[in-house]
PDB file of N, CA and C in Angstrom:
ATOM      1  N   MET A   1      44.768  89.240 148.327  1.00  0.00           N
ATOM      2  CA  MET A   1      45.395  90.017 147.275  1.00  0.00           C
ATOM      3  C   MET A   1      45.850  91.383 147.793  1.00  0.00           C
ATOM      4  N   VAL A   2      45.007  92.013 148.626  1.00  0.00           N
ATOM      5  CA  VAL A   2      45.341  93.325 149.173  1.00  0.00           C
ATOM      6  C   VAL A   2      46.573  93.216 150.076  1.00  0.00           C
ATOM      7  N   GLU A   3      46.669  92.116 150.854  1.00  0.00           N
ATOM      8  CA  GLU A   3      47.816  91.923 151.729  1.00  0.00           C
ATOM      9  C   GLU A   3      49.103  91.789 150.918  1.00  0.00           C
ATOM     10  N   LEU A   4      49.010  91.081 149.805  1.00  0.00           N
ATOM     11  CA  LEU A   4      50.179  90.895 148.946  1.00  0.00           C
ATOM     12  C   LEU A   4      50.645  92.222 148.364  1.00  0.00           C
ATOM     13  N   LEU A   5      49.714  93.044 147.932  1.00  0.00           N
ATOM     14  CA  LEU A   5      50.075  94.367 147.400  1.00  0.00           C
ATOM     15  C   LEU A   5      50.687  95.244 148.490  1.00  0.00           C
ATOM     16  N   GLY A   6      50.166  95.146 149.702  1.00  0.00           N
ATOM     17  CA  GLY A   6      50.729  95.893 150.828  1.00  0.00           C
ATOM     18  C   GLY A   6      52.156  95.467 151.133  1.00  0.00           C
ATOM     19  N   ILE A   7      52.396  94.174 151.115  1.00  0.00           N
ATOM     20  CA  ILE A   7      53.745  93.653 151.361  1.00  0.00           C
ATOM     21  C   ILE A   7      54.695  94.090 150.257  1.00  0.00           C
ATOM     22  N   LEU A   8      54.247  94.028 149.010  1.00  0.00           N
ATOM     23  CA  LEU A   8      55.089  94.470 147.891  1.00  0.00           C
ATOM     24  C   LEU A   8      55.397  95.961 147.973  1.00  0.00           C
ATOM     25  N   ALA A   9      54.402  96.759 148.351  1.00  0.00           N
ATOM     26  CA  ALA A   9      54.626  98.205 148.499  1.00  0.00           C
ATOM     27  C   ALA A   9      55.616  98.477 149.625  1.00  0.00           C
ATOM     28  N   LEU A  10      55.497  97.749 150.714  1.00  0.00           N
ATOM     29  CA  LEU A  10      56.422  97.907 151.836  1.00  0.00           C
ATOM     30  C   LEU A  10      57.843  97.518 151.430  1.00  0.00           C
ATOM     31  N   CYS A  11      57.975  96.449 150.671  1.00  0.00           N
ATOM     32  CA  CYS A  11      59.294  96.029 150.181  1.00  0.00           C
ATOM     33  C   CYS A  11      59.884  97.066 149.238  1.00  0.00           C
ATOM     34  N   ALA A  12      59.058  97.635 148.374  1.00  0.00           N
ATOM     35  CA  ALA A  12      59.538  98.666 147.454  1.00  0.00           C
ATOM     36  C   ALA A  12      60.001  99.911 148.202  1.00  0.00           C
ATOM     37  N   LEU A  13      59.256 100.317 149.217  1.00  0.00           N
ATOM     38  CA  LEU A  13      59.660 101.458 150.035  1.00  0.00           C
ATOM     39  C   LEU A  13      60.970 101.185 150.775  1.00  0.00           C
ATOM     40  N   GLY A  14      61.104  99.997 151.303  1.00  0.00           N
ATOM     41  CA  GLY A  14      62.337  99.612 151.998  1.00  0.00           C
ATOM     42  C   GLY A  14      63.535  99.610 151.069  1.00  0.00           C
ATOM     43  N   ALA A  15      63.352  99.081 149.863  1.00  0.00           N
ATOM     44  CA  ALA A  15      64.445  99.052 148.891  1.00  0.00           C
ATOM     45  C   ALA A  15      64.827 100.464 148.454  1.00  0.00           C
ATOM     46  N   GLY A  16      63.836 101.319 148.277  1.00  0.00           N
ATOM     47  CA  GLY A  16      64.117 102.712 147.910  1.00  0.00           C
ATOM     48  C   GLY A  16      64.881 103.440 148.994  1.00  0.00           C
ATOM     49  N   TYR A  17      64.468 103.256 150.240  1.00  0.00           N
ATOM     50  CA  TYR A  17      65.162 103.878 151.368  1.00  0.00           C
ATOM     51  C   TYR A  17      66.597 103.367 151.460  1.00  0.00           C
ATOM     52  N   TRP A  18      66.796 102.069 151.275  1.00  0.00           N
ATOM     53  CA  TRP A  18      68.123 101.474 151.336  1.00  0.00           C
ATOM     54  C   TRP A  18      69.019 102.063 150.247  1.00  0.00           C
ATOM     55  N   GLN A  19      68.485 102.248 149.046  1.00  0.00           N
ATOM     56  CA  GLN A  19      69.278 102.836 147.951  1.00  0.00           C
ATOM     57  C   GLN A  19      69.660 104.279 148.262  1.00  0.00           C
ATOM     58  N   ILE A  20      68.745 105.048 148.833  1.00  0.00           N
ATOM     59  CA  ILE A  20      69.038 106.437 149.188  1.00  0.00           C
ATOM     60  C   ILE A  20      70.138 106.493 150.242  1.00  0.00           C
ATOM     61  N   ARG A  21      70.065 105.652 151.259  1.00  0.00           N
ATOM     62  CA  ARG A  21      71.100 105.618 152.296  1.00  0.00           C
ATOM     63  C   ARG A  21      72.445 105.183 151.720  1.00  0.00           C
ATOM     64  N   ARG A  22      72.411 104.189 150.852  1.00  0.00           N
ATOM     65  CA  ARG A  22      73.643 103.685 150.225  1.00  0.00           C
ATOM     66  C   ARG A  22      74.312 104.785 149.407  1.00  0.00           C
ATOM     67  N   GLN A  23      73.512 105.537 148.651  1.00  0.00           N
ATOM     68  CA  GLN A  23      74.050 106.619 147.840  1.00  0.00           C
ATOM     69  C   GLN A  23      74.607 107.740 148.724  1.00  0.00           C
ATOM     70  N   SER A  24      73.930 108.063 149.815  1.00  0.00           N
ATOM     71  CA  SER A  24      74.412 109.096 150.732  1.00  0.00           C
ATOM     72  C   SER A  24      75.741 108.694 151.372  1.00  0.00           C
ATOM     73  N   GLU A  25      75.864 107.440 151.786  1.00  0.00           N
ATOM     74  CA  GLU A  25      77.109 106.962 152.373  1.00  0.00           C
ATOM     75  C   GLU A  25      78.233 106.971 151.334  1.00  0.00           C
ATOM     76  N   PHE A  26      77.923 106.577 150.112  1.00  0.00           N
ATOM     77  CA  PHE A  26      78.918 106.604 149.041  1.00  0.00           C
ATOM     78  C   PHE A  26      79.402 108.038 148.810  1.00  0.00           C
ATOM     79  N   ALA A  27      78.471 108.997 148.760  1.00  0.00           N
ATOM     80  CA  ALA A  27      78.827 110.401 148.530  1.00  0.00           C
ATOM     81  C   ALA A  27      79.742 110.903 149.641  1.00  0.00           C
ATOM     82  N   ARG A  28      79.409 110.598 150.892  1.00  0.00           N
ATOM     83  CA  ARG A  28      80.237 111.046 152.020  1.00  0.00           C
ATOM     84  C   ARG A  28      81.648 110.463 151.926  1.00  0.00           C
ATOM     85  N   HIS A  29      81.757 109.153 151.697  1.00  0.00           N
ATOM     86  CA  HIS A  29      83.079 108.531 151.606  1.00  0.00           C
ATOM     87  C   HIS A  29      83.877 109.078 150.428  1.00  0.00           C
ATOM     88  N   TRP A  30      83.224 109.266 149.297  1.00  0.00           N
ATOM     89  CA  TRP A  30      83.918 109.786 148.121  1.00  0.00           C
ATOM     90  C   TRP A  30      84.418 111.199 148.390  1.00  0.00           C
ATOM     91  N   LEU A  31      83.581 112.036 149.006  1.00  0.00           N
ATOM     92  CA  LEU A  31      83.979 113.412 149.307  1.00  0.00           C
ATOM     93  C   LEU A  31      85.066 113.480 150.376  1.00  0.00           C
ATOM     94  N   GLU A  32      85.046 112.581 151.341  1.00  0.00           N
ATOM     95  CA  GLU A  32      86.133 112.540 152.328  1.00  0.00           C
ATOM     96  C   GLU A  32      87.463 112.273 151.646  1.00  0.00           C
ATOM     97  N   ARG A  33      87.489 111.323 150.723  1.00  0.00           N
ATOM     98  CA  ARG A  33      88.716 111.002 149.982  1.00  0.00           C
ATOM     99  C   ARG A  33      89.124 112.162 149.073  1.00  0.00           C
ATOM    100  N   TYR A  34      88.148 112.758 148.388  1.00  0.00           N
ATOM    101  CA  TYR A  34      88.420 113.888 147.498  1.00  0.00           C
ATOM    102  C   TYR A  34      89.013 115.065 148.285  1.00  0.00           C
ATOM    103  N   CYS A  35      88.402 115.405 149.410  1.00  0.00           N
ATOM    104  CA  CYS A  35      88.892 116.531 150.212  1.00  0.00           C
ATOM    105  C   CYS A  35      90.275 116.246 150.784  1.00  0.00           C
ATOM    106  N   ARG A  36      90.525 115.018 151.183  1.00  0.00           N
ATOM    107  CA  ARG A  36      91.851 114.663 151.680  1.00  0.00           C
ATOM    108  C   ARG A  36      92.901 114.858 150.586  1.00  0.00           C
ATOM    109  N   GLN A  37      92.582 114.439 149.353  1.00  0.00           N
ATOM    110  CA  GLN A  37      93.516 114.600 148.232  1.00  0.00           C
ATOM    111  C   GLN A  37      93.759 116.069 147.906  1.00  0.00           C
ATOM    112  N   GLN A  38      92.722 116.910 148.055  1.00  0.00           N
ATOM    113  CA  GLN A  38      92.845 118.336 147.745  1.00  0.00           C
ATOM    114  C   GLN A  38      93.360 119.144 148.946  1.00  0.00           C
ATOM    115  N   GLN A  39      93.582 118.475 150.064  1.00  0.00           N
ATOM    116  CA  GLN A  39      94.011 119.097 151.322  1.00  0.00           C
ATOM    117  C   GLN A  39      92.962 120.091 151.834  1.00  0.00           C
ATOM    118  N   PHE A  40      91.697 119.673 151.748  1.00  0.00           N
ATOM    119  CA  PHE A  40      90.571 120.429 152.288  1.00  0.00           C
ATOM    120  C   PHE A  40      90.088 119.729 153.547  1.00  0.00           C
ATOM    121  N   GLN A  41      89.372 120.470 154.359  1.00  0.00           N
ATOM    122  CA  GLN A  41      88.687 119.899 155.507  1.00  0.00           C
ATOM    123  C   GLN A  41      87.202 119.810 155.166  1.00  0.00           C
ATOM    124  N   LEU A  42      86.656 118.595 155.106  1.00  0.00           N
ATOM    125  CA  LEU A  42      85.239 118.401 154.823  1.00  0.00           C
ATOM    126  C   LEU A  42      84.443 118.712 156.082  1.00  0.00           C
ATOM    127  N   LEU A  43      83.478 119.620 155.966  1.00  0.00           N
ATOM    128  CA  LEU A  43      82.687 120.042 157.129  1.00  0.00           C
ATOM    129  C   LEU A  43      81.326 119.358 157.177  1.00  0.00           C
ATOM    130  N   SER A  44      80.630 119.288 156.035  1.00  0.00           N
ATOM    131  CA  SER A  44      79.311 118.652 156.014  1.00  0.00           C
ATOM    132  C   SER A  44      78.940 118.245 154.596  1.00  0.00           C
ATOM    133  N   VAL A  45      78.021 117.296 154.510  1.00  0.00           N
ATOM    134  CA  VAL A  45      77.508 116.804 153.223  1.00  0.00           C
ATOM    135  C   VAL A  45      76.007 116.651 153.370  1.00  0.00           C
ATOM    136  N   TYR A  46      75.261 117.103 152.370  1.00  0.00           N
ATOM    137  CA  TYR A  46      73.821 116.876 152.401  1.00  0.00           C
ATOM    138  C   TYR A  46      73.277 116.735 150.985  1.00  0.00           C
ATOM    139  N   ARG A  47      72.211 115.921 150.884  1.00  0.00           N
ATOM    140  CA  ARG A  47      71.542 115.741 149.592  1.00  0.00           C
ATOM    141  C   ARG A  47      70.740 117.003 149.329  1.00  0.00           C
ATOM    142  N   TYR A  48      70.932 117.589 148.175  1.00  0.00           N
ATOM    143  CA  TYR A  48      70.243 118.826 147.844  1.00  0.00           C
ATOM    144  C   TYR A  48      68.954 118.557 147.077  1.00  0.00           C
ATOM    145  N   ARG A  49      69.046 117.753 146.020  1.00  0.00           N
ATOM    146  CA  ARG A  49      67.845 117.457 145.230  1.00  0.00           C
ATOM    147  C   ARG A  49      68.127 116.338 144.231  1.00  0.00           C
ATOM    148  N   TYR A  50      67.036 115.877 143.623  1.00  0.00           N
ATOM    149  CA  TYR A  50      67.087 114.961 142.479  1.00  0.00           C
ATOM    150  C   TYR A  50      66.601 115.726 141.268  1.00  0.00           C
ATOM    151  N   GLN A  51      67.103 115.351 140.102  1.00  0.00           N
ATOM    152  CA  GLN A  51      66.583 115.938 138.868  1.00  0.00           C
ATOM    153  C   GLN A  51      66.760 114.939 137.723  1.00  0.00           C
ATOM    154  N   TRP A  52      65.881 115.059 136.751  1.00  0.00           N
ATOM    155  CA  TRP A  52      65.972 114.224 135.551  1.00  0.00           C
ATOM    156  C   TRP A  52      66.833 114.934 134.528  1.00  0.00           C
ATOM    157  N   GLN A  53      67.838 114.246 133.999  1.00  0.00           N
ATOM    158  CA  GLN A  53      68.681 114.770 132.935  1.00  0.00           C
ATOM    159  C   GLN A  53      68.890 113.668 131.916  1.00  0.00           C
ATOM    160  N   LYS A  54      68.501 113.935 130.699  1.00  0.00           N
ATOM    161  CA  LYS A  54      68.704 112.991 129.595  1.00  0.00           C
ATOM    162  C   LYS A  54      68.178 111.593 129.928  1.00  0.00           C
ATOM    163  N   GLY A  55      67.010 111.548 130.552  1.00  0.00           N
ATOM    164  CA  GLY A  55      66.364 110.272 130.835  1.00  0.00           C
ATOM    165  C   GLY A  55      66.932 109.509 132.013  1.00  0.00           C
ATOM    166  N   ARG A  56      67.717 110.155 132.850  1.00  0.00           N
ATOM    167  CA  ARG A  56      68.266 109.464 134.011  1.00  0.00           C
ATOM    168  C   ARG A  56      68.111 110.343 135.257  1.00  0.00           C
ATOM    169  N   LEU A  57      67.999 109.691 136.401  1.00  0.00           N
ATOM    170  CA  LEU A  57      67.809 110.395 137.662  1.00  0.00           C
ATOM    171  C   LEU A  57      69.172 110.737 138.253  1.00  0.00           C
ATOM    172  N   ILE A  58      69.406 112.019 138.456  1.00  0.00           N
ATOM    173  CA  ILE A  58      70.679 112.518 138.979  1.00  0.00           C
ATOM    174  C   ILE A  58      70.444 113.063 140.387  1.00  0.00           C
ATOM    175  N   ALA A  59      71.300 112.668 141.318  1.00  0.00           N
ATOM    176  CA  ALA A  59      71.247 113.196 142.681  1.00  0.00           C
ATOM    177  C   ALA A  59      72.316 114.268 142.810  1.00  0.00           C
ATOM    178  N   GLN A  60      71.924 115.409 143.349  1.00  0.00           N
ATOM    179  CA  GLN A  60      72.892 116.474 143.596  1.00  0.00           C
ATOM    180  C   GLN A  60      73.104 116.595 145.095  1.00  0.00           C
ATOM    181  N   PHE A  61      74.357 116.546 145.497  1.00  0.00           N
ATOM    182  CA  PHE A  61      74.742 116.746 146.889  1.00  0.00           C
ATOM    183  C   PHE A  61      75.469 118.072 146.983  1.00  0.00           C
ATOM    184  N   ARG A  62      75.328 118.725 148.109  1.00  0.00           N
ATOM    185  CA  ARG A  62      76.111 119.916 148.417  1.00  0.00           C
ATOM    186  C   ARG A  62      77.014 119.553 149.583  1.00  0.00           C
ATOM    187  N   PHE A  63      78.209 120.107 149.570  1.00  0.00           N
ATOM    188  CA  PHE A  63      79.121 119.854 150.680  1.00  0.00           C
ATOM    189  C   PHE A  63      79.843 121.136 151.044  1.00  0.00           C
ATOM    190  N   GLU A  64      80.101 121.277 152.329  1.00  0.00           N
ATOM    191  CA  GLU A  64      80.815 122.435 152.832  1.00  0.00           C
ATOM    192  C   GLU A  64      82.212 121.986 153.227  1.00  0.00           C
ATOM    193  N   PHE A  65      83.189 122.812 152.898  1.00  0.00           N
ATOM    194  CA  PHE A  65      84.572 122.470 153.188  1.00  0.00           C
ATOM    195  C   PHE A  65      85.355 123.740 153.488  1.00  0.00           C
ATOM    196  N   SER A  66      86.529 123.544 154.056  1.00  0.00           N
ATOM    197  CA  SER A  66      87.427 124.663 154.317  1.00  0.00           C
ATOM    198  C   SER A  66      88.780 124.315 153.720  1.00  0.00           C
ATOM    199  N   HIS A  67      89.368 125.258 153.018  1.00  0.00           N
ATOM    200  CA  HIS A  67      90.687 125.006 152.435  1.00  0.00           C
ATOM    201  C   HIS A  67      91.808 125.605 153.270  1.00  0.00           C
ATOM    202  N   ASP A  68      91.465 126.468 154.227  1.00  0.00           N
ATOM    203  CA  ASP A  68      92.499 127.102 155.048  1.00  0.00           C
ATOM    204  C   ASP A  68      92.188 127.062 156.540  1.00  0.00           C
ATOM    205  N   GLY A  69      91.114 126.415 156.933  1.00  0.00           N
ATOM    206  CA  GLY A  69      90.745 126.347 158.339  1.00  0.00           C
ATOM    207  C   GLY A  69      89.994 127.568 158.835  1.00  0.00           C
ATOM    208  N   LEU A  70      89.872 128.599 158.004  1.00  0.00           N
ATOM    209  CA  LEU A  70      89.182 129.831 158.403  1.00  0.00           C
ATOM    210  C   LEU A  70      87.914 130.067 157.596  1.00  0.00           C
ATOM    211  N   GLN A  71      88.028 129.923 156.299  1.00  0.00           N
ATOM    212  CA  GLN A  71      86.898 130.205 155.409  1.00  0.00           C
ATOM    213  C   GLN A  71      86.129 128.927 155.115  1.00  0.00           C
ATOM    214  N   GLN A  72      84.846 129.100 154.848  1.00  0.00           N
ATOM    215  CA  GLN A  72      83.965 127.988 154.532  1.00  0.00           C
ATOM    216  C   GLN A  72      83.423 128.180 153.127  1.00  0.00           C
ATOM    217  N   ASP A  73      83.517 127.146 152.302  1.00  0.00           N
ATOM    218  CA  ASP A  73      83.017 127.195 150.931  1.00  0.00           C
ATOM    219  C   ASP A  73      82.060 126.038 150.709  1.00  0.00           C
ATOM    220  N   GLU A  74      81.271 126.141 149.635  1.00  0.00           N
ATOM    221  CA  GLU A  74      80.313 125.084 149.311  1.00  0.00           C
ATOM    222  C   GLU A  74      80.588 124.560 147.913  1.00  0.00           C
ATOM    223  N   GLY A  75      80.612 123.235 147.796  1.00  0.00           N
ATOM    224  CA  GLY A  75      80.795 122.584 146.507  1.00  0.00           C
ATOM    225  C   GLY A  75      79.581 121.745 146.169  1.00  0.00           C
ATOM    226  N   LYS A  76      79.579 121.218 144.950  1.00  0.00           N
ATOM    227  CA  LYS A  76      78.469 120.393 144.472  1.00  0.00           C
ATOM    228  C   LYS A  76      79.013 119.084 143.915  1.00  0.00           C
ATOM    229  N   LEU A  77      78.270 118.019 144.137  1.00  0.00           N
ATOM    230  CA  LEU A  77      78.607 116.694 143.637  1.00  0.00           C
ATOM    231  C   LEU A  77      77.370 116.120 142.970  1.00  0.00           C
ATOM    232  N   TRP A  78      77.514 115.604 141.760  1.00  0.00           N
ATOM    233  CA  TRP A  78      76.411 114.980 141.033  1.00  0.00           C
ATOM    234  C   TRP A  78      76.687 113.496 140.902  1.00  0.00           C
ATOM    235  N   LEU A  79      75.699 112.683 141.255  1.00  0.00           N
ATOM    236  CA  LEU A  79      75.797 111.229 141.169  1.00  0.00           C
ATOM    237  C   LEU A  79      74.649 110.660 140.368  1.00  0.00           C
ATOM    238  N   GLN A  80      74.966 109.628 139.603  1.00  0.00           N
ATOM    239  CA  GLN A  80      73.929 108.776 139.028  1.00  0.00           C
ATOM    240  C   GLN A  80      74.147 107.416 139.665  1.00  0.00           C
ATOM    241  N   GLN A  81      73.245 106.991 140.475  1.00  0.00           N
ATOM    242  CA  GLN A  81      73.371 105.799 141.315  1.00  0.00           C
ATOM    243  C   GLN A  81      74.654 105.926 142.123  1.00  0.00           C
ATOM    244  N   LEU A  82      75.663 105.089 141.885  1.00  0.00           N
ATOM    245  CA  LEU A  82      76.929 105.178 142.614  1.00  0.00           C
ATOM    246  C   LEU A  82      78.074 105.590 141.694  1.00  0.00           C
ATOM    247  N   THR A  83      77.757 106.384 140.692  1.00  0.00           N
ATOM    248  CA  THR A  83      78.761 106.871 139.752  1.00  0.00           C
ATOM    249  C   THR A  83      78.853 108.384 139.858  1.00  0.00           C
ATOM    250  N   VAL A  84      80.063 108.879 140.076  1.00  0.00           N
ATOM    251  CA  VAL A  84      80.279 110.322 140.149  1.00  0.00           C
ATOM    252  C   VAL A  84      80.284 110.880 138.736  1.00  0.00           C
ATOM    253  N   LEU A  85      79.391 111.830 138.481  1.00  0.00           N
ATOM    254  CA  LEU A  85      79.320 112.475 137.171  1.00  0.00           C
ATOM    255  C   LEU A  85      80.153 113.749 137.139  1.00  0.00           C
ATOM    256  N   ASP A  86      80.127 114.508 138.235  1.00  0.00           N
ATOM    257  CA  ASP A  86      80.854 115.775 138.261  1.00  0.00           C
ATOM    258  C   ASP A  86      80.983 116.257 139.699  1.00  0.00           C
ATOM    259  N   VAL A  87      82.008 117.022 139.937  1.00  0.00           N
ATOM    260  CA  VAL A  87      82.185 117.716 141.207  1.00  0.00           C
ATOM    261  C   VAL A  87      82.592 119.142 140.866  1.00  0.00           C
ATOM    262  N   CYS A  88      82.041 120.091 141.577  1.00  0.00           N
ATOM    263  CA  CYS A  88      82.274 121.496 141.279  1.00  0.00           C
ATOM    264  C   CYS A  88      82.577 122.232 142.579  1.00  0.00           C
ATOM    265  N   ILE A  89      83.705 122.939 142.597  1.00  0.00           N
ATOM    266  CA  ILE A  89      84.028 123.770 143.758  1.00  0.00           C
ATOM    267  C   ILE A  89      84.240 125.198 143.275  1.00  0.00           C
ATOM    268  N   PRO A  90      83.985 126.186 144.138  1.00  0.00           N
ATOM    269  CA  PRO A  90      84.162 127.575 143.725  1.00  0.00           C
ATOM    270  C   PRO A  90      85.642 127.929 143.636  1.00  0.00           C
ATOM    271  N   VAL A  91      85.925 129.051 142.990  1.00  0.00           N
ATOM    272  CA  VAL A  91      87.291 129.582 142.979  1.00  0.00           C
ATOM    273  C   VAL A  91      87.624 129.948 144.425  1.00  0.00           C
ATOM    274  N   LEU A  92      88.727 129.433 144.907  1.00  0.00           N
ATOM    275  CA  LEU A  92      89.062 129.616 146.325  1.00  0.00           C
ATOM    276  C   LEU A  92      89.749 130.956 146.556  1.00  0.00           C
ATOM    277  N   ARG A  93      89.371 131.590 147.653  1.00  0.00           N
ATOM    278  CA  ARG A  93      89.948 132.883 148.025  1.00  0.00           C
ATOM    279  C   ARG A  93      91.082 132.669 148.997  1.00  0.00           C
ATOM    280  N   GLU A  94      92.050 133.594 148.981  1.00  0.00           N
ATOM    281  CA  GLU A  94      93.109 133.574 149.988  1.00  0.00           C
ATOM    282  C   GLU A  94      92.586 134.219 151.247  1.00  0.00           C
ATOM    283  N   SER A  95      93.007 133.705 152.395  1.00  0.00           N
ATOM    284  CA  SER A  95      92.587 134.342 153.633  1.00  0.00           C
ATOM    285  C   SER A  95      93.356 135.646 153.827  1.00  0.00           C
ATOM    286  N   PRO A  96      92.758 136.649 154.452  1.00  0.00           N
ATOM    287  CA  PRO A  96      93.411 137.954 154.627  1.00  0.00           C
ATOM    288  C   PRO A  96      94.718 137.877 155.409  1.00  0.00           C
ATOM    289  N   SER A  97      94.888 136.895 156.283  1.00  0.00           N
ATOM    290  CA  SER A  97      96.084 136.799 157.108  1.00  0.00           C
ATOM    291  C   SER A  97      97.311 136.356 156.317  1.00  0.00           C
ATOM    292  N   MET A  98      97.130 135.897 155.087  1.00  0.00           N
ATOM    293  CA  MET A  98      98.261 135.400 154.301  1.00  0.00           C
ATOM    294  C   MET A  98      98.994 136.530 153.580  1.00  0.00           C
ATOM    295  N   HIS A  99      98.505 137.737 153.602  1.00  0.00           N
ATOM    296  CA  HIS A  99      99.162 138.843 152.895  1.00  0.00           C
ATOM    297  C   HIS A  99     100.219 139.470 153.738  1.00  0.00           C
TER     298      HIS A  99
END
């Protein structure tokens, strides 16, 4: 019985890890497409945290991007499983060389 519980726990851990990796890959691909459409350069993506909202688990990712090749900004992406709930980017500044 103990062996069976150990195997089930190992399977549950494996499935959880697989879901986390799947969600991270989805976030990266989605942000690559989003940045390409906005004419941004995607620099990095990382999982920031999980939080409970209205009875559901939401993953928040942070991503760094450049809109002019000089400045670096940080945006936020919220996912529920593989569904994009929201994306937020800061108000973009003009680079000093454009004046």
